[in-house]
Amino acid sequence: MAITKQMPETKVNSDLKFSKETYLRWYEMMQLMRKFEEKAGQLYGQQKIKGFCHLYIGQEACAAGAITALTKDDKWITAYRDHAHPLGLGTSPNAVMAELFAKSTGCSKGKGGSMHIFDKEVNFVGGHGIVGAQVPLGAGLAFAEKYNKTGNLCICYMGDGAVRQGAFHEALNMAMLWKLPVIFVIENNGYAMGTSVKRTSNVTELYKLGSAYDMPSEPVNAMRCEDVHEAVARAAERARAGEGPSLLEFRTYRYKGHSMSDPAKYRTKDELETYRNQDPIEVVRQTILENNFATEQDLEQIDARIKEQVLESVEFAEKSPYPTADELYKDIYAQQDYPYIQD
């Protein structure tokens, strides 16, 4: 299913509301996400990365635009398409790449892999492999912020397929009832795995699901960092004012299949090309150049620095050790002795 008709045409912003620094930050952030994942896809093909691997390529503005709208103390949680968010928040590419390699130097000590990136230092509370399971967790994180009177919020991402999960509706109901400071984000890339939205629901404009709970909800052209930032900033203002949650439908697109094992034969080349013409990185790049925020040479230097950073992360991951056998009994719910286990 193409969702082109639901999205406004992407244009370079002629009436700029954001600074040079913000555009350059978006560009560098999204390029790191893109180049890191392109390399990860290549390494998966070489069988250096194994298991599941879900790439975010095409959806970078969903994370980048939100990061500039929130504070470093806000909490983040998402599903298993989870490499880009922590990279944008500041997690070391070395730690993420090492996790993809299942090495002990990974951000989850090599125990989580691609679907379970986690970094407490940047308040990224993980990727989660069970569809929709992170939604009530996101509400719980917001409950903790409200209970502790921190003034912080939780932004909770999910895919379009997760809205069919009962926990989604339970979480929205409780969040609205208790006015929790949470921003629920549906990253609607048009397909739940390979199944289009229109084949799974009579309601194809997913933001309208929030109306059942009187929750402020809106669609967002998430191929543009500007639109994402503004929508998240509005929702954050409501949350911090004690007015409760919001539901945002980020209308976006992934250029790759659902996972590395998905050839994506359920969509046309024309559909894919339509979205490539709205590429969020290219839109930001053109805005930077047309407003003389940087030169082509400046951007090439950023690209070269990011390429080197990604290559360093691969070298770091390849040289890192695998976890030792005793790690199997660490980082569980309660640490205790296991007398029946023989060395």
C-alpha atoms as a PDB file:
ATOM      1  CA  MET A   1       0.000   0.000   0.000  1.00  0.00           C
ATOM      2  CA  ALA A   2       1.340   3.419  -0.945  1.00  0.00           C
ATOM      3  CA  ILE A   3       0.563   6.227   1.489  1.00  0.00           C
ATOM      4  CA  THR A   4       1.684   9.009  -0.846  1.00  0.00           C
ATOM      5  CA  LYS A   5      -1.767  10.554  -1.117  1.00  0.00           C
ATOM      6  CA  GLN A   6      -1.961  11.022   2.637  1.00  0.00           C
ATOM      7  CA  MET A   7       1.243  13.093   2.757  1.00  0.00           C
ATOM      8  CA  PRO A   8       1.810  16.712   1.685  1.00  0.00           C
ATOM      9  CA  GLU A   9       4.431  17.213  -0.984  1.00  0.00           C
ATOM     10  CA  THR A  10       7.922  17.580   0.431  1.00  0.00           C
ATOM     11  CA  LYS A  11       9.475  20.953  -0.407  1.00  0.00           C
ATOM     12  CA  VAL A  12      12.522  22.843   0.735  1.00  0.00           C
ATOM     13  CA  ASN A  13      11.450  25.157   3.517  1.00  0.00           C
ATOM     14  CA  SER A  14      11.494  28.723   2.211  1.00  0.00           C
ATOM     15  CA  ASP A  15      10.338  30.328   5.463  1.00  0.00           C
ATOM     16  CA  LEU A  16      12.926  28.974   7.860  1.00  0.00           C
ATOM     17  CA  LYS A  17      11.978  28.572  11.520  1.00  0.00           C
ATOM     18  CA  PHE A  18      15.136  26.743  12.503  1.00  0.00           C
ATOM     19  CA  SER A  19      18.740  27.796  12.854  1.00  0.00           C
ATOM     20  CA  LYS A  20      21.800  26.883  10.850  1.00  0.00           C
ATOM     21  CA  GLU A  21      23.022  24.847  13.830  1.00  0.00           C
ATOM     22  CA  THR A  22      19.805  22.805  13.908  1.00  0.00           C
ATOM     23  CA  TYR A  23      19.942  21.992  10.184  1.00  0.00           C
ATOM     24  CA  LEU A  24      23.572  20.950  10.416  1.00  0.00           C
ATOM     25  CA  ARG A  25      22.787  18.840  13.466  1.00  0.00           C
ATOM     26  CA  TRP A  26      19.930  17.127  11.608  1.00  0.00           C
ATOM     27  CA  TYR A  27      22.169  16.480   8.621  1.00  0.00           C
ATOM     28  CA  GLU A  28      25.005  14.970  10.636  1.00  0.00           C
ATOM     29  CA  MET A  29      22.642  12.950  12.821  1.00  0.00           C
ATOM     30  CA  MET A  30      20.729  11.452   9.901  1.00  0.00           C
ATOM     31  CA  GLN A  31      23.861  10.769   7.869  1.00  0.00           C
ATOM     32  CA  LEU A  32      25.317   8.815  10.784  1.00  0.00           C
ATOM     33  CA  MET A  33      22.081   6.802  11.054  1.00  0.00           C
ATOM     34  CA  ARG A  34      22.029   6.143   7.290  1.00  0.00           C
ATOM     35  CA  LYS A  35      25.700   5.265   6.794  1.00  0.00           C
ATOM     36  CA  PHE A  36      25.794   3.121   9.930  1.00  0.00           C
ATOM     37  CA  GLU A  37      22.815   1.075   8.754  1.00  0.00           C
ATOM     38  CA  GLU A  38      24.038   0.782   5.180  1.00  0.00           C
ATOM     39  CA  LYS A  39      27.225  -0.721   6.578  1.00  0.00           C
ATOM     40  CA  ALA A  40      25.216  -2.950   8.938  1.00  0.00           C
ATOM     41  CA  GLY A  41      23.222  -4.259   5.979  1.00  0.00           C
ATOM     42  CA  GLN A  42      26.430  -5.033   4.115  1.00  0.00           C
ATOM     43  CA  LEU A  43      27.895  -6.839   7.129  1.00  0.00           C
ATOM     44  CA  TYR A  44      24.682  -8.842   7.543  1.00  0.00           C
ATOM     45  CA  GLY A  45      25.077 -10.015   3.960  1.00  0.00           C
ATOM     46  CA  GLN A  46      28.602 -11.137   4.862  1.00  0.00           C
ATOM     47  CA  GLN A  47      27.148 -13.043   7.868  1.00  0.00           C
ATOM     48  CA  LYS A  48      29.209 -11.007  10.318  1.00  0.00           C
ATOM     49  CA  ILE A  49      25.924  -9.835  11.836  1.00  0.00           C
ATOM     50  CA  LYS A  50      23.423 -12.623  12.475  1.00  0.00           C
ATOM     51  CA  GLY A  51      19.921 -13.067  13.798  1.00  0.00           C
ATOM     52  CA  PHE A  52      17.295 -10.437  13.042  1.00  0.00           C
ATOM     53  CA  CYS A  53      18.147  -7.004  11.671  1.00  0.00           C
ATOM     54  CA  HIS A  54      15.555  -4.305  10.910  1.00  0.00           C
ATOM     55  CA  LEU A  55      16.855  -1.196   9.161  1.00  0.00           C
ATOM     56  CA  TYR A  56      15.531   2.350   9.549  1.00  0.00           C
ATOM     57  CA  ILE A  57      16.765   3.663   6.192  1.00  0.00           C
ATOM     58  CA  GLY A  58      14.327   6.326   4.946  1.00  0.00           C
ATOM     59  CA  GLN A  59      12.802   6.988   8.363  1.00  0.00           C
ATOM     60  CA  GLU A  60      15.657   9.014   9.877  1.00  0.00           C
ATOM     61  CA  ALA A  61      13.651  12.230  10.268  1.00  0.00           C
ATOM     62  CA  CYS A  62      11.292  10.430  12.684  1.00  0.00           C
ATOM     63  CA  ALA A  63      14.113  10.285  15.213  1.00  0.00           C
ATOM     64  CA  ALA A  64      16.171  13.369  14.307  1.00  0.00           C
ATOM     65  CA  GLY A  65      13.284  15.842  14.355  1.00  0.00           C
ATOM     66  CA  ALA A  66      12.070  14.574  17.724  1.00  0.00           C
ATOM     67  CA  ILE A  67      15.527  14.659  19.319  1.00  0.00           C
ATOM     68  CA  THR A  68      15.861  18.396  18.734  1.00  0.00           C
ATOM     69  CA  ALA A  69      12.386  18.998  20.186  1.00  0.00           C
ATOM     70  CA  LEU A  70      13.004  17.206  23.509  1.00  0.00           C
ATOM     71  CA  THR A  71      15.510  17.408  26.359  1.00  0.00           C
ATOM     72  CA  LYS A  72      18.328  15.052  27.291  1.00  0.00           C
ATOM     73  CA  ASP A  73      16.392  14.024  30.429  1.00  0.00           C
ATOM     74  CA  ASP A  74      13.327  12.728  28.569  1.00  0.00           C
ATOM     75  CA  LYS A  75      12.954   8.962  28.159  1.00  0.00           C
ATOM     76  CA  TRP A  76      12.867   7.090  24.834  1.00  0.00           C
ATOM     77  CA  ILE A  77      11.495   3.642  24.050  1.00  0.00           C
ATOM     78  CA  THR A  78      10.778   1.915  20.749  1.00  0.00           C
ATOM     79  CA  ALA A  79      10.304  -1.419  19.011  1.00  0.00           C
ATOM     80  CA  TYR A  80      12.971  -3.517  17.286  1.00  0.00           C
ATOM     81  CA  ARG A  81      13.815  -1.025  14.492  1.00  0.00           C
ATOM     82  CA  ASP A  82      16.033   0.617  17.055  1.00  0.00           C
ATOM     83  CA  HIS A  83      19.521   1.506  15.805  1.00  0.00           C
ATOM     84  CA  ALA A  84      18.877   5.111  14.764  1.00  0.00           C
ATOM     85  CA  HIS A  85      17.329   6.530  17.944  1.00  0.00           C
ATOM     86  CA  PRO A  86      20.274   5.824  20.274  1.00  0.00           C
ATOM     87  CA  LEU A  87      22.801   6.918  17.632  1.00  0.00           C
ATOM     88  CA  GLY A  88      20.991  10.241  17.369  1.00  0.00           C
ATOM     89  CA  LEU A  89      20.824  10.568  21.141  1.00  0.00           C
ATOM     90  CA  GLY A  90      24.567  10.109  21.469  1.00  0.00           C
ATOM     91  CA  THR A  91      25.213   6.397  22.035  1.00  0.00           C
ATOM     92  CA  SER A  92      28.633   5.443  20.711  1.00  0.00           C
ATOM     93  CA  PRO A  93      28.497   3.816  17.249  1.00  0.00           C
ATOM     94  CA  ASN A  94      31.164   1.441  18.579  1.00  0.00           C
ATOM     95  CA  ALA A  95      28.789   0.184  21.271  1.00  0.00           C
ATOM     96  CA  VAL A  96      25.878  -0.248  18.832  1.00  0.00           C
ATOM     97  CA  MET A  97      27.981  -2.021  16.210  1.00  0.00           C
ATOM     98  CA  ALA A  98      29.524  -4.291  18.839  1.00  0.00           C
ATOM     99  CA  GLU A  99      26.020  -5.200  19.989  1.00  0.00           C
ATOM    100  CA  LEU A 100      25.084  -6.143  16.422  1.00  0.00           C
ATOM    101  CA  PHE A 101      28.161  -8.390  16.420  1.00  0.00           C
ATOM    102  CA  ALA A 102      27.018  -9.910  19.781  1.00  0.00           C
ATOM    103  CA  LYS A 103      30.253  -8.785  21.424  1.00  0.00           C
ATOM    104  CA  SER A 104      30.741  -8.087  25.131  1.00  0.00           C
ATOM    105  CA  THR A 105      31.579  -4.431  24.431  1.00  0.00           C
ATOM    106  CA  GLY A 106      28.110  -3.861  22.985  1.00  0.00           C
ATOM    107  CA  CYS A 107      25.647  -1.539  24.681  1.00  0.00           C
ATOM    108  CA  SER A 108      23.694  -4.582  25.923  1.00  0.00           C
ATOM    109  CA  LYS A 109      26.882  -6.595  26.551  1.00  0.00           C
ATOM    110  CA  GLY A 110      26.285  -8.649  23.427  1.00  0.00           C
ATOM    111  CA  LYS A 111      23.166 -10.253  24.911  1.00  0.00           C
ATOM    112  CA  GLY A 112      20.497  -8.323  23.044  1.00  0.00           C
ATOM    113  CA  GLY A 113      21.613  -7.968  19.466  1.00  0.00           C
ATOM    114  CA  SER A 114      19.940  -5.765  16.884  1.00  0.00           C
ATOM    115  CA  MET A 115      16.460  -5.770  18.450  1.00  0.00           C
ATOM    116  CA  HIS A 116      17.529  -4.908  21.997  1.00  0.00           C
ATOM    117  CA  ILE A 117      19.753  -1.846  21.872  1.00  0.00           C
ATOM    118  CA  PHE A 118      19.743  -0.105  25.271  1.00  0.00           C
ATOM    119  CA  ASP A 119      21.634   2.844  26.733  1.00  0.00           C
ATOM    120  CA  LYS A 120      20.722   4.213  30.145  1.00  0.00           C
ATOM    121  CA  GLU A 121      23.276   7.030  29.792  1.00  0.00           C
ATOM    122  CA  VAL A 122      21.220   8.709  27.043  1.00  0.00           C
ATOM    123  CA  ASN A 123      17.841   7.619  28.519  1.00  0.00           C
ATOM    124  CA  PHE A 124      17.171   5.172  25.697  1.00  0.00           C
ATOM    125  CA  VAL A 125      15.174   2.438  27.410  1.00  0.00           C
ATOM    126  CA  GLY A 126      15.534  -0.057  24.705  1.00  0.00           C
ATOM    127  CA  GLY A 127      14.331  -1.636  21.575  1.00  0.00           C
ATOM    128  CA  HIS A 128      11.731  -4.338  22.235  1.00  0.00           C
ATOM    129  CA  GLY A 129      11.123  -7.438  20.164  1.00  0.00           C
ATOM    130  CA  ILE A 130       7.487  -8.201  21.045  1.00  0.00           C
ATOM    131  CA  VAL A 131       5.156  -6.177  18.829  1.00  0.00           C
ATOM    132  CA  GLY A 132       3.438  -3.492  20.898  1.00  0.00           C
ATOM    133  CA  ALA A 133       4.973  -4.591  24.202  1.00  0.00           C
ATOM    134  CA  GLN A 134       6.839  -1.302  24.555  1.00  0.00           C
ATOM    135  CA  VAL A 135       3.603   0.745  24.512  1.00  0.00           C
ATOM    136  CA  PRO A 136       2.474   0.035  28.102  1.00  0.00           C
ATOM    137  CA  LEU A 137       6.146   0.229  29.145  1.00  0.00           C
ATOM    138  CA  GLY A 138       6.257   3.723  27.695  1.00  0.00           C
ATOM    139  CA  ALA A 139       3.175   4.655  29.704  1.00  0.00           C
ATOM    140  CA  GLY A 140       4.857   3.179  32.791  1.00  0.00           C
ATOM    141  CA  LEU A 141       7.979   5.265  32.245  1.00  0.00           C
ATOM    142  CA  ALA A 142       5.792   8.353  31.965  1.00  0.00           C
ATOM    143  CA  PHE A 143       3.968   7.368  35.157  1.00  0.00           C
ATOM    144  CA  ALA A 144       7.316   7.270  36.979  1.00  0.00           C
ATOM    145  CA  GLU A 145       8.221  10.749  35.707  1.00  0.00           C
ATOM    146  CA  LYS A 146       4.875  12.129  36.875  1.00  0.00           C
ATOM    147  CA  TYR A 147       5.072  10.344  40.238  1.00  0.00           C
ATOM    148  CA  ASN A 148       8.564  11.695  40.860  1.00  0.00           C
ATOM    149  CA  LYS A 149       7.572  15.190  39.652  1.00  0.00           C
ATOM    150  CA  THR A 150      10.593  15.433  37.338  1.00  0.00           C
ATOM    151  CA  GLY A 151       8.956  17.504  34.613  1.00  0.00           C
ATOM    152  CA  ASN A 152      10.270  14.991  32.075  1.00  0.00           C
ATOM    153  CA  LEU A 153       8.283  12.883  29.626  1.00  0.00           C
ATOM    154  CA  CYS A 154       8.542   9.637  27.689  1.00  0.00           C
ATOM    155  CA  ILE A 155       8.318   9.394  23.922  1.00  0.00           C
ATOM    156  CA  CYS A 156       7.143   5.926  22.894  1.00  0.00           C
ATOM    157  CA  TYR A 157       7.584   4.752  19.296  1.00  0.00           C
ATOM    158  CA  MET A 158       5.792   1.861  17.617  1.00  0.00           C
ATOM    159  CA  GLY A 159       5.140   0.581  14.109  1.00  0.00           C
ATOM    160  CA  ASP A 160       1.771   0.738  12.370  1.00  0.00           C
ATOM    161  CA  GLY A 161       1.232  -2.978  13.033  1.00  0.00           C
ATOM    162  CA  ALA A 162       1.433  -2.462  16.807  1.00  0.00           C
ATOM    163  CA  VAL A 163      -1.837  -0.521  16.921  1.00  0.00           C
ATOM    164  CA  ARG A 164      -3.707  -3.840  16.441  1.00  0.00           C
ATOM    165  CA  GLN A 165      -2.318  -5.017  19.772  1.00  0.00           C
ATOM    166  CA  GLY A 166      -4.719  -4.804  22.699  1.00  0.00           C
ATOM    167  CA  ALA A 167      -2.017  -3.379  24.950  1.00  0.00           C
ATOM    168  CA  PHE A 168      -1.910  -0.292  22.710  1.00  0.00           C
ATOM    169  CA  HIS A 169      -5.518   0.553  23.523  1.00  0.00           C
ATOM    170  CA  GLU A 170      -5.150  -0.270  27.201  1.00  0.00           C
ATOM    171  CA  ALA A 171      -2.101   1.979  27.439  1.00  0.00           C
ATOM    172  CA  LEU A 172      -3.802   4.885  25.664  1.00  0.00           C
ATOM    173  CA  ASN A 173      -6.833   4.611  27.953  1.00  0.00           C
ATOM    174  CA  MET A 174      -4.765   4.592  31.154  1.00  0.00           C
ATOM    175  CA  ALA A 175      -2.415   7.326  29.942  1.00  0.00           C
ATOM    176  CA  MET A 176      -5.328   9.620  29.188  1.00  0.00           C
ATOM    177  CA  LEU A 177      -7.141   8.755  32.410  1.00  0.00           C
ATOM    178  CA  TRP A 178      -4.084   9.573  34.524  1.00  0.00           C
ATOM    179  CA  LYS A 179      -2.849  12.408  32.262  1.00  0.00           C
ATOM    180  CA  LEU A 180       0.573  10.805  31.870  1.00  0.00           C
ATOM    181  CA  PRO A 181       3.388  12.801  30.194  1.00  0.00           C
ATOM    182  CA  VAL A 182       3.843  10.462  27.251  1.00  0.00           C
ATOM    183  CA  ILE A 183       3.996  11.034  23.500  1.00  0.00           C
ATOM    184  CA  PHE A 184       2.838   7.954  21.595  1.00  0.00           C
ATOM    185  CA  VAL A 185       4.329   7.850  18.085  1.00  0.00           C
ATOM    186  CA  ILE A 186       3.115   5.542  15.326  1.00  0.00           C
ATOM    187  CA  GLU A 187       5.823   5.227  12.674  1.00  0.00           C
ATOM    188  CA  ASN A 188       3.482   4.455   9.800  1.00  0.00           C
ATOM    189  CA  ASN A 189       5.686   3.288   6.949  1.00  0.00           C
ATOM    190  CA  GLY A 190       2.701   1.809   5.133  1.00  0.00           C
ATOM    191  CA  TYR A 191       3.326  -1.839   5.921  1.00  0.00           C
ATOM    192  CA  ALA A 192       3.185  -4.076   8.979  1.00  0.00           C
ATOM    193  CA  MET A 193       5.879  -6.469   7.803  1.00  0.00           C
ATOM    194  CA  GLY A 194       4.530  -6.962   4.268  1.00  0.00           C
ATOM    195  CA  THR A 195       0.866  -6.245   4.954  1.00  0.00           C
ATOM    196  CA  SER A 196      -0.491  -2.827   4.008  1.00  0.00           C
ATOM    197  CA  VAL A 197      -2.502  -0.784   6.489  1.00  0.00           C
ATOM    198  CA  LYS A 198      -5.653  -0.900   4.358  1.00  0.00           C
ATOM    199  CA  ARG A 199      -5.662  -4.725   4.519  1.00  0.00           C
ATOM    200  CA  THR A 200      -5.694  -4.783   8.330  1.00  0.00           C
ATOM    201  CA  SER A 201      -8.114  -2.057   9.345  1.00  0.00           C
ATOM    202  CA  ASN A 202     -11.078   0.020   8.282  1.00  0.00           C
ATOM    203  CA  VAL A 203      -9.293   2.972   9.923  1.00  0.00           C
ATOM    204  CA  THR A 204      -6.316   3.805   7.712  1.00  0.00           C
ATOM    205  CA  GLU A 205      -5.646   7.258   9.165  1.00  0.00           C
ATOM    206  CA  LEU A 206      -4.121   5.845  12.305  1.00  0.00           C
ATOM    207  CA  TYR A 207      -3.961   9.060  14.329  1.00  0.00           C
ATOM    208  CA  LYS A 208      -7.774   8.909  14.532  1.00  0.00           C
ATOM    209  CA  LEU A 209      -7.454   5.936  16.892  1.00  0.00           C
ATOM    210  CA  GLY A 210      -6.641   8.439  19.626  1.00  0.00           C
ATOM    211  CA  SER A 211     -10.092  10.002  19.331  1.00  0.00           C
ATOM    212  CA  ALA A 212     -11.612   7.002  21.138  1.00  0.00           C
ATOM    213  CA  TYR A 213      -9.824   8.252  24.263  1.00  0.00           C
ATOM    214  CA  ASP A 214     -10.228  12.017  23.615  1.00  0.00           C
ATOM    215  CA  MET A 215      -6.460  12.140  23.147  1.00  0.00           C
ATOM    216  CA  PRO A 216      -4.935  15.026  21.175  1.00  0.00           C
ATOM    217  CA  SER A 217      -3.824  13.349  17.940  1.00  0.00           C
ATOM    218  CA  GLU A 218      -2.490  14.442  14.584  1.00  0.00           C
ATOM    219  CA  PRO A 219      -0.802  13.180  11.406  1.00  0.00           C
ATOM    220  CA  VAL A 220       2.743  14.347  10.683  1.00  0.00           C
ATOM    221  CA  ASN A 221       4.735  14.375   7.445  1.00  0.00           C
ATOM    222  CA  ALA A 222       7.686  12.533   8.950  1.00  0.00           C
ATOM    223  CA  MET A 223       9.834  12.816   5.849  1.00  0.00           C
ATOM    224  CA  ARG A 224      10.587  16.340   7.094  1.00  0.00           C
ATOM    225  CA  CYS A 225      12.556  17.055  10.279  1.00  0.00           C
ATOM    226  CA  GLU A 226      10.817  20.420  10.588  1.00  0.00           C
ATOM    227  CA  ASP A 227       7.330  18.904  10.766  1.00  0.00           C
ATOM    228  CA  VAL A 228       8.431  16.212  13.207  1.00  0.00           C
ATOM    229  CA  HIS A 229      10.114  18.748  15.508  1.00  0.00           C
ATOM    230  CA  GLU A 230       7.094  21.046  15.578  1.00  0.00           C
ATOM    231  CA  ALA A 231       4.584  18.256  16.256  1.00  0.00           C
ATOM    232  CA  VAL A 232       6.713  16.748  19.031  1.00  0.00           C
ATOM    233  CA  ALA A 233       7.320  20.185  20.556  1.00  0.00           C
ATOM    234  CA  ARG A 234       3.554  20.814  20.720  1.00  0.00           C
ATOM    235  CA  ALA A 235       2.940  17.431  22.333  1.00  0.00           C
ATOM    236  CA  ALA A 236       5.805  17.969  24.792  1.00  0.00           C
ATOM    237  CA  GLU A 237       4.401  21.326  25.854  1.00  0.00           C
ATOM    238  CA  ARG A 238       1.049  19.705  26.650  1.00  0.00           C
ATOM    239  CA  ALA A 239       2.730  16.870  28.541  1.00  0.00           C
ATOM    240  CA  ARG A 240       4.888  19.159  30.676  1.00  0.00           C
ATOM    241  CA  ALA A 241       1.881  21.349  31.438  1.00  0.00           C
ATOM    242  CA  GLY A 242       0.104  18.358  32.991  1.00  0.00           C
ATOM    243  CA  GLU A 243      -2.379  18.010  30.124  1.00  0.00           C
ATOM    244  CA  GLY A 244      -1.448  14.402  29.427  1.00  0.00           C
ATOM    245  CA  PRO A 245      -0.527  12.300  26.400  1.00  0.00           C
ATOM    246  CA  SER A 246      -0.654  12.833  22.660  1.00  0.00           C
ATOM    247  CA  LEU A 247      -0.772  10.442  19.709  1.00  0.00           C
ATOM    248  CA  LEU A 248       1.253  11.342  16.613  1.00  0.00           C
ATOM    249  CA  GLU A 249       1.084   9.393  13.374  1.00  0.00           C
ATOM    250  CA  PHE A 250       4.463   9.820  11.668  1.00  0.00           C
ATOM    251  CA  ARG A 251       3.830   9.168   7.979  1.00  0.00           C
ATOM    252  CA  THR A 252       7.136   7.867   6.742  1.00  0.00           C
ATOM    253  CA  TYR A 253       8.675   5.158   4.571  1.00  0.00           C
ATOM    254  CA  ARG A 254      11.381   2.535   4.817  1.00  0.00           C
ATOM    255  CA  TYR A 255      13.427   1.951   1.686  1.00  0.00           C
ATOM    256  CA  LYS A 256      14.394  -1.561   2.743  1.00  0.00           C
ATOM    257  CA  GLY A 257      12.174  -4.521   3.548  1.00  0.00           C
ATOM    258  CA  HIS A 258      10.729  -5.225   6.969  1.00  0.00           C
ATOM    259  CA  SER A 259      13.939  -7.019   7.899  1.00  0.00           C
ATOM    260  CA  MET A 260      17.054  -8.163   6.092  1.00  0.00           C
ATOM    261  CA  SER A 261      15.236 -11.364   5.097  1.00  0.00           C
ATOM    262  CA  ASP A 262      12.427  -9.444   3.351  1.00  0.00           C
ATOM    263  CA  PRO A 263      12.806  -8.817  -0.425  1.00  0.00           C
ATOM    264  CA  ALA A 264       9.853  -6.352  -0.290  1.00  0.00           C
ATOM    265  CA  LYS A 265       8.155  -7.685  -3.430  1.00  0.00           C
ATOM    266  CA  TYR A 266       4.792  -6.412  -2.177  1.00  0.00           C
ATOM    267  CA  ARG A 267       5.484  -2.858  -3.397  1.00  0.00           C
ATOM    268  CA  THR A 268       6.309  -1.312  -6.755  1.00  0.00           C
ATOM    269  CA  LYS A 269       9.512   0.369  -7.901  1.00  0.00           C
ATOM    270  CA  ASP A 270       7.486   3.497  -8.660  1.00  0.00           C
ATOM    271  CA  GLU A 271       6.234   3.650  -5.078  1.00  0.00           C
ATOM    272  CA  LEU A 272       9.764   3.310  -3.737  1.00  0.00           C
ATOM    273  CA  GLU A 273      11.056   5.998  -6.095  1.00  0.00           C
ATOM    274  CA  THR A 274       8.277   8.380  -5.016  1.00  0.00           C
ATOM    275  CA  TYR A 275       9.573   8.280  -1.478  1.00  0.00           C
ATOM    276  CA  ARG A 276      13.234   8.410  -2.457  1.00  0.00           C
ATOM    277  CA  ASN A 277      12.390  11.745  -4.080  1.00  0.00           C
ATOM    278  CA  GLN A 278      11.305  12.940  -0.616  1.00  0.00           C
ATOM    279  CA  ASP A 279      14.433  11.678   1.122  1.00  0.00           C
ATOM    280  CA  PRO A 280      14.718  13.513   4.467  1.00  0.00           C
ATOM    281  CA  ILE A 281      18.511  13.776   4.301  1.00  0.00           C
ATOM    282  CA  GLU A 282      18.441  15.263   0.818  1.00  0.00           C
ATOM    283  CA  VAL A 283      15.747  17.772   1.831  1.00  0.00           C
ATOM    284  CA  VAL A 284      17.868  18.987   4.750  1.00  0.00           C
ATOM    285  CA  ARG A 285      20.983  19.016   2.564  1.00  0.00           C
ATOM    286  CA  GLN A 286      19.301  21.225  -0.035  1.00  0.00           C
ATOM    287  CA  THR A 287      18.046  23.601   2.665  1.00  0.00           C
ATOM    288  CA  ILE A 288      21.585  23.927   4.030  1.00  0.00           C
ATOM    289  CA  LEU A 289      23.058  24.676   0.595  1.00  0.00           C
ATOM    290  CA  GLU A 290      20.336  27.054  -0.579  1.00  0.00           C
ATOM    291  CA  ASN A 291      20.617  29.123   2.594  1.00  0.00           C
ATOM    292  CA  ASN A 292      24.431  29.117   2.574  1.00  0.00           C
ATOM    293  CA  PHE A 293      24.605  27.362   5.957  1.00  0.00           C
ATOM    294  CA  ALA A 294      27.473  25.282   4.563  1.00  0.00           C
ATOM    295  CA  THR A 295      29.209  24.560   1.277  1.00  0.00           C
ATOM    296  CA  GLU A 296      29.339  21.318  -0.663  1.00  0.00           C
ATOM    297  CA  GLN A 297      32.894  20.918   0.623  1.00  0.00           C
ATOM    298  CA  ASP A 298      31.730  21.384   4.229  1.00  0.00           C
ATOM    299  CA  LEU A 299      29.125  18.648   3.806  1.00  0.00           C
ATOM    300  CA  GLU A 300      31.646  16.366   2.129  1.00  0.00           C
ATOM    301  CA  GLN A 301      33.890  16.782   5.163  1.00  0.00           C
ATOM    302  CA  ILE A 302      30.995  15.794   7.447  1.00  0.00           C
ATOM    303  CA  ASP A 303      30.330  12.758   5.245  1.00  0.00           C
ATOM    304  CA  ALA A 304      33.992  11.738   5.348  1.00  0.00           C
ATOM    305  CA  ARG A 305      34.095  12.057   9.124  1.00  0.00           C
ATOM    306  CA  ILE A 306      30.977   9.912   9.480  1.00  0.00           C
ATOM    307  CA  LYS A 307      32.350   7.287   7.087  1.00  0.00           C
ATOM    308  CA  GLU A 308      35.490   7.069   9.197  1.00  0.00           C
ATOM    309  CA  GLN A 309      33.412   6.835  12.375  1.00  0.00           C
ATOM    310  CA  VAL A 310      31.401   3.926  10.961  1.00  0.00           C
ATOM    311  CA  LEU A 311      34.533   2.097   9.781  1.00  0.00           C
ATOM    312  CA  GLU A 312      36.062   2.549  13.240  1.00  0.00           C
ATOM    313  CA  SER A 313      32.936   1.030  14.795  1.00  0.00           C
ATOM    314  CA  VAL A 314      33.290  -2.045  12.582  1.00  0.00           C
ATOM    315  CA  GLU A 315      36.956  -2.441  13.506  1.00  0.00           C
ATOM    316  CA  PHE A 316      36.071  -2.039  17.181  1.00  0.00           C
ATOM    317  CA  ALA A 317      33.336  -4.678  16.942  1.00  0.00           C
ATOM    318  CA  GLU A 318      35.491  -7.169  15.070  1.00  0.00           C
ATOM    319  CA  LYS A 319      38.330  -6.889  17.610  1.00  0.00           C
ATOM    320  CA  SER A 320      36.045  -7.116  20.659  1.00  0.00           C
ATOM    321  CA  PRO A 321      35.593 -10.430  22.515  1.00  0.00           C
ATOM    322  CA  TYR A 322      32.406 -12.424  22.784  1.00  0.00           C
ATOM    323  CA  PRO A 323      30.760 -12.646  26.241  1.00  0.00           C
ATOM    324  CA  THR A 324      32.110 -15.382  28.480  1.00  0.00           C
ATOM    325  CA  ALA A 325      29.910 -18.248  29.672  1.00  0.00           C
ATOM    326  CA  ASP A 326      29.448 -16.798  33.163  1.00  0.00           C
ATOM    327  CA  GLU A 327      27.642 -13.774  31.641  1.00  0.00           C
ATOM    328  CA  LEU A 328      24.685 -16.083  31.119  1.00  0.00           C
ATOM    329  CA  TYR A 329      23.778 -15.741  34.795  1.00  0.00           C
ATOM    330  CA  LYS A 330      24.290 -11.993  35.122  1.00  0.00           C
ATOM    331  CA  ASP A 331      21.914  -9.092  34.484  1.00  0.00           C
ATOM    332  CA  ILE A 332      18.825 -11.120  35.290  1.00  0.00           C
ATOM    333  CA  TYR A 333      15.957 -10.145  37.605  1.00  0.00           C
ATOM    334  CA  ALA A 334      17.741 -11.165  40.813  1.00  0.00           C
ATOM    335  CA  GLN A 335      21.356 -12.113  41.244  1.00  0.00           C
ATOM    336  CA  GLN A 336      21.867 -15.280  43.306  1.00  0.00           C
ATOM    337  CA  ASP A 337      24.091 -18.301  43.606  1.00  0.00           C
ATOM    338  CA  TYR A 338      23.459 -21.390  41.526  1.00  0.00           C
ATOM    339  CA  PRO A 339      24.953 -24.272  43.558  1.00  0.00           C
ATOM    340  CA  TYR A 340      23.697 -26.855  41.111  1.00  0.00           C
ATOM    341  CA  ILE A 341      25.728 -25.421  38.226  1.00  0.00           C
ATOM    342  CA  GLN A 342      29.077 -27.128  37.763  1.00  0.00           C
ATOM    343  CA  ASP A 343      32.101 -25.175  36.560  1.00  0.00           C
END
